[in-house]
Amino acid sequence: MISIHAQIGIPTSIRFAALVSAKCPQIALSKRTELGLTFDHARLKESPLLSYWALKEEIMGSKVHEHMTERPRCVTSETPVSEAAELMASEDVGSLPILDGETLAGVITDRDIVIRAVAMKKDPQGMPVREIATHDPVTVRADDDLADALKLMATYQVRRLPVVDEDNRLVGVLAQADVAMGAKEKAVGEMVEEISQAPTGPRV
């Protein structure tokens, strides 16, 4: 699994493309380029959220466990893909954790189903989710800073992060919706927009 603690080696601990104040956009742009993030330069200058300090002011001291969903709906590695899709629809979520006992074995996403099953003309009725699952999801810990979890969401363009303990046992899920309800609406609204921003440029 790719835990939040494994990301510290990324330049300056992934300071979210805005380590410095938005008053210094040329530095922020340099950091954005270095990290490969896709933020619009004009919006970077205009939005106080994209200042590292403004972000910290909004969510200072918040921890993942304060915003996560405990006891999320899950599937096992042998759950049929069709059943996982039905569960996603009923729960109105785009991904589900996959458990091996209490241990996180991966996640199954709506994109996994579309790209690895439907597009490949495979039968989702009898296919177990392990055949198309994402087996190395990005994870966080319950006591991690919410700010760091948001950086991971933005960096990896994901909307839900499994929350695990030191033994990789699932203890919850942190979702955009959880953060939006728990943090200040203005700050998180712009964060969500950045995370959800569609990629631009040619498709090679």
N, C-alpha and C. Protein backbone atom coordinates (compact mmCIF):
# COMPACT_ATOMS: atom_id res chain seq x y z
N MET A 1 0.83 -1.19 0.00
CA MET A 1 0.00 0.00 0.00
C MET A 1 0.88 1.26 0.00
N ILE A 2 0.41 2.31 -0.59
CA ILE A 2 1.15 3.56 -0.61
C ILE A 2 0.60 4.42 0.52
N SER A 3 1.27 4.42 1.66
CA SER A 3 0.76 5.18 2.80
C SER A 3 1.22 6.61 2.72
N ILE A 4 0.58 7.46 3.51
CA ILE A 4 0.93 8.87 3.53
C ILE A 4 2.37 9.05 4.00
N HIS A 5 2.82 8.13 4.86
CA HIS A 5 4.16 8.27 5.40
C HIS A 5 5.23 7.99 4.36
N ALA A 6 4.85 7.28 3.29
CA ALA A 6 5.81 6.98 2.23
C ALA A 6 5.99 8.15 1.29
N GLN A 7 5.17 9.19 1.46
CA GLN A 7 5.23 10.31 0.53
C GLN A 7 6.20 11.40 0.98
N ILE A 8 6.78 11.26 2.17
CA ILE A 8 7.63 12.32 2.69
C ILE A 8 8.85 12.54 1.81
N GLY A 9 9.25 11.52 1.06
CA GLY A 9 10.39 11.67 0.19
C GLY A 9 10.12 12.51 -1.04
N ILE A 10 8.87 12.74 -1.37
CA ILE A 10 8.54 13.59 -2.51
C ILE A 10 8.92 15.02 -2.15
N PRO A 11 9.41 15.81 -3.11
CA PRO A 11 9.96 17.13 -2.82
C PRO A 11 9.18 17.93 -1.78
N THR A 12 9.89 18.29 -0.70
CA THR A 12 9.36 19.11 0.39
C THR A 12 8.04 18.57 0.90
N SER A 13 7.94 17.26 0.99
CA SER A 13 6.76 16.59 1.54
C SER A 13 5.48 16.96 0.81
N ILE A 14 5.56 17.17 -0.47
CA ILE A 14 4.40 17.57 -1.30
C ILE A 14 3.69 18.77 -0.70
N ARG A 15 4.33 19.92 -0.71
CA ARG A 15 3.74 21.10 -0.09
C ARG A 15 2.59 21.67 -0.91
N PHE A 16 1.98 20.79 -1.72
CA PHE A 16 0.71 21.08 -2.39
C PHE A 16 0.79 22.21 -3.38
N ALA A 17 1.95 22.37 -4.02
CA ALA A 17 2.15 23.34 -5.07
C ALA A 17 1.98 24.77 -4.61
N ALA A 18 1.90 24.95 -3.27
CA ALA A 18 1.71 26.30 -2.76
C ALA A 18 2.37 26.44 -1.41
N LEU A 19 3.61 26.02 -1.33
CA LEU A 19 4.34 26.11 -0.07
C LEU A 19 4.45 27.56 0.38
N VAL A 20 4.58 28.43 -0.58
CA VAL A 20 4.71 29.84 -0.25
C VAL A 20 3.39 30.53 -0.46
N SER A 21 3.29 31.74 -0.03
CA SER A 21 2.04 32.49 -0.16
C SER A 21 1.69 32.71 -1.60
N ALA A 22 0.38 32.86 -1.85
CA ALA A 22 -0.08 33.16 -3.20
C ALA A 22 0.42 34.51 -3.68
N LYS A 23 1.03 35.26 -2.77
CA LYS A 23 1.61 36.53 -3.17
C LYS A 23 2.90 36.34 -3.95
N CYS A 24 3.39 35.09 -4.01
CA CYS A 24 4.61 34.79 -4.76
C CYS A 24 4.28 33.74 -5.81
N PRO A 25 3.44 34.06 -6.78
CA PRO A 25 2.97 33.04 -7.74
C PRO A 25 4.07 32.41 -8.56
N GLN A 26 5.17 33.14 -8.81
CA GLN A 26 6.21 32.55 -9.63
C GLN A 26 6.88 31.38 -8.91
N ILE A 27 6.99 31.47 -7.57
CA ILE A 27 7.55 30.36 -6.81
C ILE A 27 6.55 29.23 -6.76
N ALA A 28 5.29 29.58 -6.55
CA ALA A 28 4.25 28.56 -6.51
C ALA A 28 4.18 27.81 -7.83
N LEU A 29 4.32 28.53 -8.95
CA LEU A 29 4.29 27.90 -10.26
C LEU A 29 5.45 26.94 -10.41
N SER A 30 6.61 27.34 -9.93
CA SER A 30 7.78 26.47 -10.00
C SER A 30 7.54 25.20 -9.22
N LYS A 31 6.96 25.34 -8.01
CA LYS A 31 6.68 24.16 -7.20
C LYS A 31 5.61 23.30 -7.86
N ARG A 32 4.63 23.94 -8.48
CA ARG A 32 3.60 23.20 -9.18
C ARG A 32 4.21 22.35 -10.28
N THR A 33 5.10 22.94 -11.05
CA THR A 33 5.75 22.23 -12.16
C THR A 33 6.59 21.08 -11.64
N GLU A 34 7.30 21.34 -10.55
CA GLU A 34 8.17 20.31 -9.97
C GLU A 34 7.36 19.09 -9.54
N LEU A 35 6.18 19.32 -8.99
CA LEU A 35 5.39 18.23 -8.47
C LEU A 35 4.46 17.63 -9.51
N GLY A 36 4.37 18.27 -10.68
CA GLY A 36 3.52 17.74 -11.72
C GLY A 36 2.04 17.91 -11.46
N LEU A 37 1.67 18.91 -10.66
CA LEU A 37 0.27 19.14 -10.36
C LEU A 37 -0.34 20.05 -11.41
N THR A 38 -1.66 19.97 -11.58
CA THR A 38 -2.31 20.66 -12.68
C THR A 38 -3.20 21.78 -12.17
N PHE A 39 -2.61 22.77 -11.53
CA PHE A 39 -3.36 23.93 -11.08
C PHE A 39 -3.21 25.07 -12.07
N ASP A 40 -4.29 25.79 -12.29
CA ASP A 40 -4.27 26.93 -13.18
C ASP A 40 -3.53 28.09 -12.51
N HIS A 41 -2.57 28.69 -13.24
CA HIS A 41 -1.73 29.71 -12.65
C HIS A 41 -2.53 30.94 -12.23
N ALA A 42 -3.50 31.36 -13.07
CA ALA A 42 -4.29 32.54 -12.73
C ALA A 42 -5.09 32.30 -11.45
N ARG A 43 -5.67 31.11 -11.33
CA ARG A 43 -6.43 30.81 -10.13
C ARG A 43 -5.51 30.69 -8.93
N LEU A 44 -4.28 30.23 -9.16
CA LEU A 44 -3.33 30.13 -8.07
C LEU A 44 -3.04 31.49 -7.47
N LYS A 45 -2.96 32.51 -8.31
CA LYS A 45 -2.72 33.86 -7.83
C LYS A 45 -3.94 34.41 -7.10
N GLU A 46 -5.12 34.04 -7.57
CA GLU A 46 -6.34 34.63 -7.04
C GLU A 46 -6.84 33.95 -5.78
N SER A 47 -6.62 32.66 -5.67
CA SER A 47 -7.24 31.90 -4.60
C SER A 47 -6.37 31.84 -3.35
N PRO A 48 -6.83 32.37 -2.23
CA PRO A 48 -6.06 32.28 -0.99
C PRO A 48 -5.98 30.84 -0.48
N LEU A 49 -6.91 29.98 -0.92
CA LEU A 49 -6.84 28.59 -0.49
C LEU A 49 -5.55 27.94 -0.91
N LEU A 50 -5.07 28.30 -2.10
CA LEU A 50 -3.89 27.63 -2.63
C LEU A 50 -2.60 28.17 -2.03
N SER A 51 -2.71 29.10 -1.13
CA SER A 51 -1.58 29.44 -0.29
C SER A 51 -1.47 28.37 0.80
N TYR A 52 -0.30 27.86 1.00
CA TYR A 52 -0.10 26.84 2.02
C TYR A 52 -0.58 27.34 3.38
N TRP A 53 -0.28 28.61 3.68
CA TRP A 53 -0.63 29.14 5.00
C TRP A 53 -2.12 29.33 5.14
N ALA A 54 -2.79 29.73 4.06
CA ALA A 54 -4.24 29.88 4.12
C ALA A 54 -4.89 28.51 4.34
N LEU A 55 -4.36 27.50 3.68
CA LEU A 55 -4.88 26.17 3.86
C LEU A 55 -4.71 25.70 5.30
N LYS A 56 -3.52 25.91 5.85
CA LYS A 56 -3.27 25.49 7.22
C LYS A 56 -4.18 26.23 8.20
N GLU A 57 -4.46 27.50 7.92
CA GLU A 57 -5.32 28.28 8.79
C GLU A 57 -6.73 27.69 8.82
N GLU A 58 -7.19 27.19 7.65
CA GLU A 58 -8.55 26.67 7.57
C GLU A 58 -8.70 25.34 8.31
N ILE A 59 -7.69 24.47 8.26
CA ILE A 59 -7.87 23.12 8.80
C ILE A 59 -6.80 22.79 9.84
N MET A 60 -6.20 23.81 10.42
CA MET A 60 -5.14 23.61 11.41
C MET A 60 -5.62 22.69 12.53
N GLY A 61 -4.85 21.65 12.77
CA GLY A 61 -5.12 20.78 13.91
C GLY A 61 -6.12 19.67 13.63
N SER A 62 -6.81 19.71 12.49
CA SER A 62 -7.79 18.66 12.20
C SER A 62 -7.07 17.36 11.85
N LYS A 63 -7.62 16.26 12.32
CA LYS A 63 -7.08 14.95 12.05
C LYS A 63 -8.04 14.14 11.18
N VAL A 64 -7.50 13.14 10.51
CA VAL A 64 -8.31 12.32 9.62
C VAL A 64 -9.47 11.69 10.37
N HIS A 65 -9.24 11.19 11.58
CA HIS A 65 -10.29 10.47 12.30
C HIS A 65 -11.49 11.36 12.65
N GLU A 66 -11.29 12.68 12.62
CA GLU A 66 -12.38 13.60 12.91
C GLU A 66 -13.36 13.71 11.75
N HIS A 67 -12.95 13.29 10.56
CA HIS A 67 -13.78 13.46 9.36
C HIS A 67 -14.09 12.16 8.64
N MET A 68 -13.45 11.06 9.04
CA MET A 68 -13.62 9.82 8.29
C MET A 68 -14.94 9.13 8.63
N THR A 69 -15.34 8.23 7.77
CA THR A 69 -16.49 7.37 8.01
C THR A 69 -16.00 6.06 8.61
N GLU A 70 -16.46 5.74 9.81
CA GLU A 70 -16.09 4.48 10.43
C GLU A 70 -17.01 3.37 9.92
N ARG A 71 -16.51 2.16 9.93
CA ARG A 71 -17.26 0.98 9.49
C ARG A 71 -17.87 1.19 8.10
N PRO A 72 -17.06 1.53 7.11
CA PRO A 72 -17.58 1.70 5.74
C PRO A 72 -18.00 0.38 5.13
N ARG A 73 -18.85 0.44 4.14
CA ARG A 73 -19.23 -0.77 3.41
C ARG A 73 -18.02 -1.29 2.64
N CYS A 74 -17.83 -2.60 2.66
CA CYS A 74 -16.66 -3.22 2.04
C CYS A 74 -17.08 -4.45 1.26
N VAL A 75 -16.14 -4.98 0.49
CA VAL A 75 -16.32 -6.26 -0.20
C VAL A 75 -15.10 -7.12 0.08
N THR A 76 -15.19 -8.39 -0.29
CA THR A 76 -14.04 -9.28 -0.20
C THR A 76 -13.46 -9.50 -1.59
N SER A 77 -12.33 -10.14 -1.64
CA SER A 77 -11.67 -10.38 -2.93
C SER A 77 -12.52 -11.25 -3.85
N GLU A 78 -13.41 -12.07 -3.27
CA GLU A 78 -14.22 -12.99 -4.06
C GLU A 78 -15.59 -12.43 -4.39
N THR A 79 -15.91 -11.23 -3.93
CA THR A 79 -17.20 -10.63 -4.26
C THR A 79 -17.31 -10.44 -5.77
N PRO A 80 -18.41 -10.85 -6.39
CA PRO A 80 -18.57 -10.63 -7.83
C PRO A 80 -18.56 -9.14 -8.18
N VAL A 81 -18.00 -8.81 -9.31
CA VAL A 81 -17.93 -7.43 -9.77
C VAL A 81 -19.34 -6.81 -9.85
N SER A 82 -20.30 -7.59 -10.33
CA SER A 82 -21.66 -7.08 -10.46
C SER A 82 -22.25 -6.71 -9.10
N GLU A 83 -21.95 -7.51 -8.08
CA GLU A 83 -22.43 -7.21 -6.73
C GLU A 83 -21.77 -5.95 -6.18
N ALA A 84 -20.48 -5.78 -6.45
CA ALA A 84 -19.77 -4.58 -6.00
C ALA A 84 -20.36 -3.34 -6.67
N ALA A 85 -20.70 -3.46 -7.96
CA ALA A 85 -21.30 -2.33 -8.68
C ALA A 85 -22.65 -1.96 -8.09
N GLU A 86 -23.44 -2.97 -7.75
CA GLU A 86 -24.75 -2.71 -7.13
C GLU A 86 -24.59 -2.03 -5.78
N LEU A 87 -23.58 -2.45 -5.02
CA LEU A 87 -23.33 -1.85 -3.72
C LEU A 87 -22.88 -0.40 -3.86
N MET A 88 -22.04 -0.12 -4.85
CA MET A 88 -21.63 1.25 -5.12
C MET A 88 -22.85 2.12 -5.42
N ALA A 89 -23.76 1.59 -6.22
CA ALA A 89 -24.95 2.35 -6.59
C ALA A 89 -25.84 2.61 -5.37
N SER A 90 -26.02 1.60 -4.55
CA SER A 90 -26.90 1.76 -3.39
C SER A 90 -26.29 2.68 -2.33
N GLU A 91 -24.96 2.65 -2.23
CA GLU A 91 -24.28 3.49 -1.24
C GLU A 91 -23.90 4.86 -1.81
N ASP A 92 -24.08 5.04 -3.12
CA ASP A 92 -23.72 6.28 -3.81
C ASP A 92 -22.25 6.62 -3.59
N VAL A 93 -21.38 5.65 -3.86
CA VAL A 93 -19.94 5.84 -3.74
C VAL A 93 -19.28 5.34 -5.02
N GLY A 94 -18.05 5.80 -5.26
CA GLY A 94 -17.33 5.41 -6.46
C GLY A 94 -16.26 4.37 -6.23
N SER A 95 -16.09 3.94 -4.98
CA SER A 95 -15.09 2.91 -4.68
C SER A 95 -15.45 2.21 -3.39
N LEU A 96 -14.96 0.99 -3.26
CA LEU A 96 -15.19 0.18 -2.07
C LEU A 96 -13.89 -0.48 -1.63
N PRO A 97 -13.59 -0.48 -0.33
CA PRO A 97 -12.41 -1.21 0.15
C PRO A 97 -12.62 -2.71 -0.02
N ILE A 98 -11.53 -3.40 -0.28
CA ILE A 98 -11.54 -4.86 -0.36
C ILE A 98 -10.79 -5.40 0.84
N LEU A 99 -11.44 -6.27 1.59
CA LEU A 99 -10.84 -6.79 2.81
C LEU A 99 -10.47 -8.25 2.69
N ASP A 100 -9.36 -8.59 3.30
CA ASP A 100 -8.96 -9.97 3.54
C ASP A 100 -8.97 -10.15 5.04
N GLY A 101 -10.09 -10.62 5.58
CA GLY A 101 -10.29 -10.57 7.03
C GLY A 101 -10.54 -9.13 7.43
N GLU A 102 -9.66 -8.58 8.27
CA GLU A 102 -9.75 -7.17 8.64
C GLU A 102 -8.71 -6.33 7.90
N THR A 103 -7.88 -6.99 7.11
CA THR A 103 -6.77 -6.32 6.44
C THR A 103 -7.20 -5.78 5.09
N LEU A 104 -6.75 -4.57 4.76
CA LEU A 104 -7.04 -3.98 3.47
C LEU A 104 -6.25 -4.69 2.38
N ALA A 105 -6.95 -5.25 1.40
CA ALA A 105 -6.30 -5.96 0.30
C ALA A 105 -6.30 -5.15 -0.98
N GLY A 106 -7.03 -4.04 -1.01
CA GLY A 106 -7.11 -3.20 -2.20
C GLY A 106 -8.41 -2.42 -2.20
N VAL A 107 -8.71 -1.81 -3.34
CA VAL A 107 -10.00 -1.14 -3.53
C VAL A 107 -10.52 -1.47 -4.92
N ILE A 108 -11.82 -1.46 -5.05
CA ILE A 108 -12.46 -1.61 -6.35
C ILE A 108 -13.18 -0.30 -6.64
N THR A 109 -12.94 0.28 -7.81
CA THR A 109 -13.53 1.56 -8.16
C THR A 109 -14.45 1.41 -9.37
N ASP A 110 -15.32 2.40 -9.55
CA ASP A 110 -16.17 2.37 -10.74
C ASP A 110 -15.33 2.42 -12.01
N ARG A 111 -14.20 3.11 -11.94
CA ARG A 111 -13.30 3.16 -13.10
C ARG A 111 -12.69 1.78 -13.38
N ASP A 112 -12.32 1.06 -12.33
CA ASP A 112 -11.80 -0.31 -12.51
C ASP A 112 -12.81 -1.16 -13.27
N ILE A 113 -14.09 -1.03 -12.88
CA ILE A 113 -15.14 -1.83 -13.51
C ILE A 113 -15.28 -1.48 -14.98
N VAL A 114 -15.29 -0.18 -15.27
CA VAL A 114 -15.48 0.26 -16.65
C VAL A 114 -14.29 -0.11 -17.53
N ILE A 115 -13.08 0.21 -17.05
CA ILE A 115 -11.88 0.03 -17.88
C ILE A 115 -11.43 -1.43 -17.95
N ARG A 116 -11.48 -2.13 -16.83
CA ARG A 116 -10.90 -3.47 -16.79
C ARG A 116 -11.90 -4.59 -17.00
N ALA A 117 -13.18 -4.28 -16.92
CA ALA A 117 -14.19 -5.31 -17.13
C ALA A 117 -15.07 -5.00 -18.34
N VAL A 118 -15.84 -3.92 -18.25
CA VAL A 118 -16.78 -3.60 -19.33
C VAL A 118 -16.06 -3.36 -20.65
N ALA A 119 -15.02 -2.51 -20.63
CA ALA A 119 -14.31 -2.19 -21.87
C ALA A 119 -13.59 -3.39 -22.46
N MET A 120 -13.24 -4.35 -21.60
CA MET A 120 -12.57 -5.56 -22.07
C MET A 120 -13.56 -6.68 -22.40
N LYS A 121 -14.87 -6.33 -22.33
CA LYS A 121 -15.94 -7.27 -22.66
C LYS A 121 -15.90 -8.52 -21.79
N LYS A 122 -15.58 -8.32 -20.52
CA LYS A 122 -15.60 -9.43 -19.56
C LYS A 122 -16.95 -9.46 -18.86
N ASP A 123 -17.32 -10.65 -18.40
CA ASP A 123 -18.60 -10.83 -17.74
C ASP A 123 -18.47 -10.47 -16.26
N PRO A 124 -19.11 -9.40 -15.80
CA PRO A 124 -18.97 -8.99 -14.39
C PRO A 124 -19.78 -9.85 -13.43
N GLN A 125 -20.65 -10.71 -13.96
CA GLN A 125 -21.53 -11.49 -13.09
C GLN A 125 -20.74 -12.47 -12.22
N GLY A 126 -19.86 -13.23 -12.84
CA GLY A 126 -19.13 -14.24 -12.08
C GLY A 126 -17.69 -13.87 -11.78
N MET A 127 -17.26 -12.71 -12.24
CA MET A 127 -15.87 -12.30 -12.05
C MET A 127 -15.64 -11.75 -10.65
N PRO A 128 -14.67 -12.27 -9.88
CA PRO A 128 -14.38 -11.70 -8.56
C PRO A 128 -13.65 -10.37 -8.69
N VAL A 129 -13.87 -9.49 -7.73
CA VAL A 129 -13.29 -8.15 -7.83
C VAL A 129 -11.77 -8.17 -7.81
N ARG A 130 -11.17 -9.21 -7.26
CA ARG A 130 -9.71 -9.27 -7.20
C ARG A 130 -9.07 -9.24 -8.59
N GLU A 131 -9.82 -9.65 -9.61
CA GLU A 131 -9.26 -9.71 -10.96
C GLU A 131 -9.11 -8.33 -11.60
N ILE A 132 -9.84 -7.35 -11.11
CA ILE A 132 -9.76 -6.02 -11.71
C ILE A 132 -9.48 -4.92 -10.68
N ALA A 133 -9.23 -5.31 -9.44
CA ALA A 133 -9.08 -4.33 -8.35
C ALA A 133 -7.77 -3.57 -8.44
N THR A 134 -7.73 -2.45 -7.74
CA THR A 134 -6.50 -1.71 -7.51
C THR A 134 -5.90 -2.25 -6.21
N HIS A 135 -4.73 -2.89 -6.31
CA HIS A 135 -4.18 -3.59 -5.16
C HIS A 135 -3.17 -2.76 -4.35
N ASP A 136 -2.86 -1.56 -4.82
CA ASP A 136 -1.90 -0.72 -4.08
C ASP A 136 -2.49 0.68 -3.87
N PRO A 137 -3.64 0.78 -3.22
CA PRO A 137 -4.27 2.09 -3.06
C PRO A 137 -3.48 2.99 -2.12
N VAL A 138 -3.66 4.28 -2.31
CA VAL A 138 -3.09 5.26 -1.39
C VAL A 138 -3.89 5.20 -0.10
N THR A 139 -3.21 5.19 1.04
CA THR A 139 -3.89 5.11 2.33
C THR A 139 -3.40 6.20 3.27
N VAL A 140 -4.18 6.42 4.32
CA VAL A 140 -3.78 7.34 5.39
C VAL A 140 -4.04 6.66 6.73
N ARG A 141 -3.53 7.28 7.79
CA ARG A 141 -3.78 6.81 9.15
C ARG A 141 -4.77 7.73 9.84
N ALA A 142 -5.44 7.22 10.84
CA ALA A 142 -6.47 7.99 11.53
C ALA A 142 -5.92 9.24 12.19
N ASP A 143 -4.67 9.19 12.64
CA ASP A 143 -4.08 10.33 13.34
C ASP A 143 -3.29 11.25 12.41
N ASP A 144 -3.32 10.99 11.10
CA ASP A 144 -2.65 11.89 10.15
C ASP A 144 -3.39 13.23 10.10
N ASP A 145 -2.65 14.27 9.75
CA ASP A 145 -3.26 15.58 9.58
C ASP A 145 -4.21 15.56 8.39
N LEU A 146 -5.36 16.21 8.56
CA LEU A 146 -6.31 16.31 7.46
C LEU A 146 -5.68 17.03 6.27
N ALA A 147 -4.85 18.04 6.54
CA ALA A 147 -4.20 18.78 5.46
C ALA A 147 -3.37 17.85 4.58
N ASP A 148 -2.65 16.92 5.20
CA ASP A 148 -1.83 15.99 4.43
C ASP A 148 -2.69 15.03 3.61
N ALA A 149 -3.82 14.62 4.18
CA ALA A 149 -4.73 13.74 3.44
C ALA A 149 -5.29 14.46 2.23
N LEU A 150 -5.61 15.75 2.38
CA LEU A 150 -6.12 16.52 1.25
C LEU A 150 -5.07 16.66 0.16
N LYS A 151 -3.82 16.80 0.56
CA LYS A 151 -2.75 16.88 -0.43
C LYS A 151 -2.67 15.57 -1.23
N LEU A 152 -2.82 14.44 -0.54
CA LEU A 152 -2.79 13.16 -1.24
C LEU A 152 -3.96 13.04 -2.20
N MET A 153 -5.14 13.48 -1.79
CA MET A 153 -6.29 13.44 -2.68
C MET A 153 -6.01 14.24 -3.95
N ALA A 154 -5.45 15.42 -3.78
CA ALA A 154 -5.16 16.27 -4.93
C ALA A 154 -4.06 15.67 -5.80
N THR A 155 -3.02 15.15 -5.18
CA THR A 155 -1.88 14.60 -5.91
C THR A 155 -2.27 13.37 -6.74
N TYR A 156 -3.06 12.49 -6.12
CA TYR A 156 -3.41 11.24 -6.79
C TYR A 156 -4.79 11.28 -7.46
N GLN A 157 -5.45 12.45 -7.39
CA GLN A 157 -6.75 12.63 -8.04
C GLN A 157 -7.74 11.56 -7.61
N VAL A 158 -7.86 11.37 -6.30
CA VAL A 158 -8.82 10.41 -5.75
C VAL A 158 -9.75 11.15 -4.80
N ARG A 159 -10.94 10.59 -4.61
CA ARG A 159 -11.95 11.23 -3.78
C ARG A 159 -12.21 10.48 -2.48
N ARG A 160 -11.66 9.27 -2.37
CA ARG A 160 -11.83 8.47 -1.14
C ARG A 160 -10.51 7.81 -0.80
N LEU A 161 -10.11 7.89 0.46
CA LEU A 161 -8.87 7.29 0.93
C LEU A 161 -9.17 6.29 2.05
N PRO A 162 -8.74 5.04 1.90
CA PRO A 162 -8.88 4.10 3.02
C PRO A 162 -8.02 4.55 4.19
N VAL A 163 -8.53 4.38 5.39
CA VAL A 163 -7.81 4.73 6.61
C VAL A 163 -7.43 3.42 7.30
N VAL A 164 -6.15 3.21 7.51
CA VAL A 164 -5.67 1.95 8.07
C VAL A 164 -4.84 2.21 9.32
N ASP A 165 -4.68 1.14 10.13
CA ASP A 165 -3.81 1.24 11.30
C ASP A 165 -2.42 0.72 10.94
N GLU A 166 -1.57 0.58 11.95
CA GLU A 166 -0.19 0.18 11.69
C GLU A 166 -0.08 -1.24 11.16
N ASP A 167 -1.13 -2.04 11.31
CA ASP A 167 -1.13 -3.41 10.79
C ASP A 167 -1.92 -3.53 9.49
N ASN A 168 -2.20 -2.39 8.87
CA ASN A 168 -2.93 -2.33 7.60
C ASN A 168 -4.36 -2.84 7.72
N ARG A 169 -4.92 -2.76 8.93
CA ARG A 169 -6.33 -3.09 9.12
C ARG A 169 -7.17 -1.85 8.85
N LEU A 170 -8.25 -2.03 8.13
CA LEU A 170 -9.11 -0.90 7.77
C LEU A 170 -9.86 -0.40 9.00
N VAL A 171 -9.78 0.90 9.25
CA VAL A 171 -10.50 1.50 10.38
C VAL A 171 -11.52 2.53 9.91
N GLY A 172 -11.50 2.87 8.62
CA GLY A 172 -12.45 3.86 8.10
C GLY A 172 -12.10 4.26 6.69
N VAL A 173 -12.87 5.21 6.17
CA VAL A 173 -12.62 5.79 4.86
C VAL A 173 -12.81 7.30 4.96
N LEU A 174 -11.86 8.04 4.41
CA LEU A 174 -11.97 9.49 4.33
C LEU A 174 -12.42 9.85 2.93
N ALA A 175 -13.53 10.57 2.82
CA ALA A 175 -14.08 10.94 1.53
C ALA A 175 -14.20 12.44 1.41
N GLN A 176 -14.23 12.90 0.16
CA GLN A 176 -14.46 14.32 -0.09
C GLN A 176 -15.68 14.81 0.66
N ALA A 177 -16.75 14.02 0.61
CA ALA A 177 -18.00 14.44 1.25
C ALA A 177 -17.82 14.61 2.75
N ASP A 178 -17.02 13.73 3.37
CA ASP A 178 -16.77 13.85 4.80
C ASP A 178 -16.07 15.17 5.12
N VAL A 179 -15.07 15.49 4.30
CA VAL A 179 -14.30 16.71 4.53
C VAL A 179 -15.16 17.94 4.28
N ALA A 180 -15.98 17.87 3.23
CA ALA A 180 -16.81 19.02 2.89
C ALA A 180 -17.78 19.34 4.02
N MET A 181 -18.25 18.33 4.71
CA MET A 181 -19.19 18.57 5.80
C MET A 181 -18.47 19.04 7.06
N GLY A 182 -17.22 18.58 7.25
CA GLY A 182 -16.54 18.88 8.49
C GLY A 182 -15.67 20.11 8.47
N ALA A 183 -15.24 20.56 7.30
CA ALA A 183 -14.36 21.71 7.21
C ALA A 183 -15.13 22.91 6.67
N LYS A 184 -14.50 24.05 6.66
CA LYS A 184 -15.17 25.26 6.20
C LYS A 184 -15.51 25.15 4.72
N GLU A 185 -16.73 25.51 4.38
CA GLU A 185 -17.25 25.28 3.04
C GLU A 185 -16.43 25.99 1.96
N LYS A 186 -16.05 27.20 2.19
CA LYS A 186 -15.34 27.96 1.16
C LYS A 186 -14.01 27.32 0.82
N ALA A 187 -13.22 26.98 1.83
CA ALA A 187 -11.90 26.42 1.59
C ALA A 187 -11.99 25.07 0.89
N VAL A 188 -12.84 24.19 1.42
CA VAL A 188 -12.91 22.85 0.88
C VAL A 188 -13.56 22.87 -0.51
N GLY A 189 -14.49 23.79 -0.75
CA GLY A 189 -15.12 23.88 -2.06
C GLY A 189 -14.09 24.09 -3.15
N GLU A 190 -13.13 24.95 -2.93
CA GLU A 190 -12.09 25.19 -3.92
C GLU A 190 -11.15 24.00 -4.01
N MET A 191 -10.89 23.35 -2.86
CA MET A 191 -10.05 22.17 -2.87
C MET A 191 -10.68 21.07 -3.71
N VAL A 192 -11.97 20.84 -3.50
CA VAL A 192 -12.68 19.81 -4.25
C VAL A 192 -12.65 20.10 -5.74
N GLU A 193 -12.79 21.38 -6.10
CA GLU A 193 -12.75 21.76 -7.50
C GLU A 193 -11.41 21.44 -8.11
N GLU A 194 -10.32 21.66 -7.37
CA GLU A 194 -8.99 21.34 -7.89
C GLU A 194 -8.82 19.83 -8.06
N ILE A 195 -9.31 19.06 -7.07
CA ILE A 195 -9.18 17.61 -7.14
C ILE A 195 -9.97 17.06 -8.32
N SER A 196 -11.14 17.64 -8.57
CA SER A 196 -12.04 17.12 -9.59
C SER A 196 -11.79 17.69 -10.97
N GLN A 197 -10.83 18.61 -11.08
CA GLN A 197 -10.59 19.28 -12.36
C GLN A 197 -10.18 18.29 -13.43
N ALA A 198 -10.86 18.36 -14.56
CA ALA A 198 -10.56 17.43 -15.66
C ALA A 198 -9.19 17.75 -16.25
N PRO A 199 -8.43 16.74 -16.67
CA PRO A 199 -7.14 16.98 -17.30
C PRO A 199 -7.30 17.73 -18.62
N THR A 200 -6.29 18.52 -18.96
CA THR A 200 -6.33 19.29 -20.21
C THR A 200 -5.21 18.85 -21.12
N GLY A 201 -5.26 19.32 -22.38
CA GLY A 201 -4.22 18.99 -23.33
C GLY A 201 -4.56 17.79 -24.17
N PRO A 202 -3.73 17.48 -25.13
CA PRO A 202 -4.01 16.39 -26.06
C PRO A 202 -3.89 15.04 -25.39
N ARG A 203 -4.64 14.06 -25.90
CA ARG A 203 -4.56 12.69 -25.41
C ARG A 203 -3.68 11.90 -26.37
N VAL A 204 -2.52 11.53 -25.92
CA VAL A 204 -1.56 10.84 -26.79
C VAL A 204 -1.79 9.35 -26.72
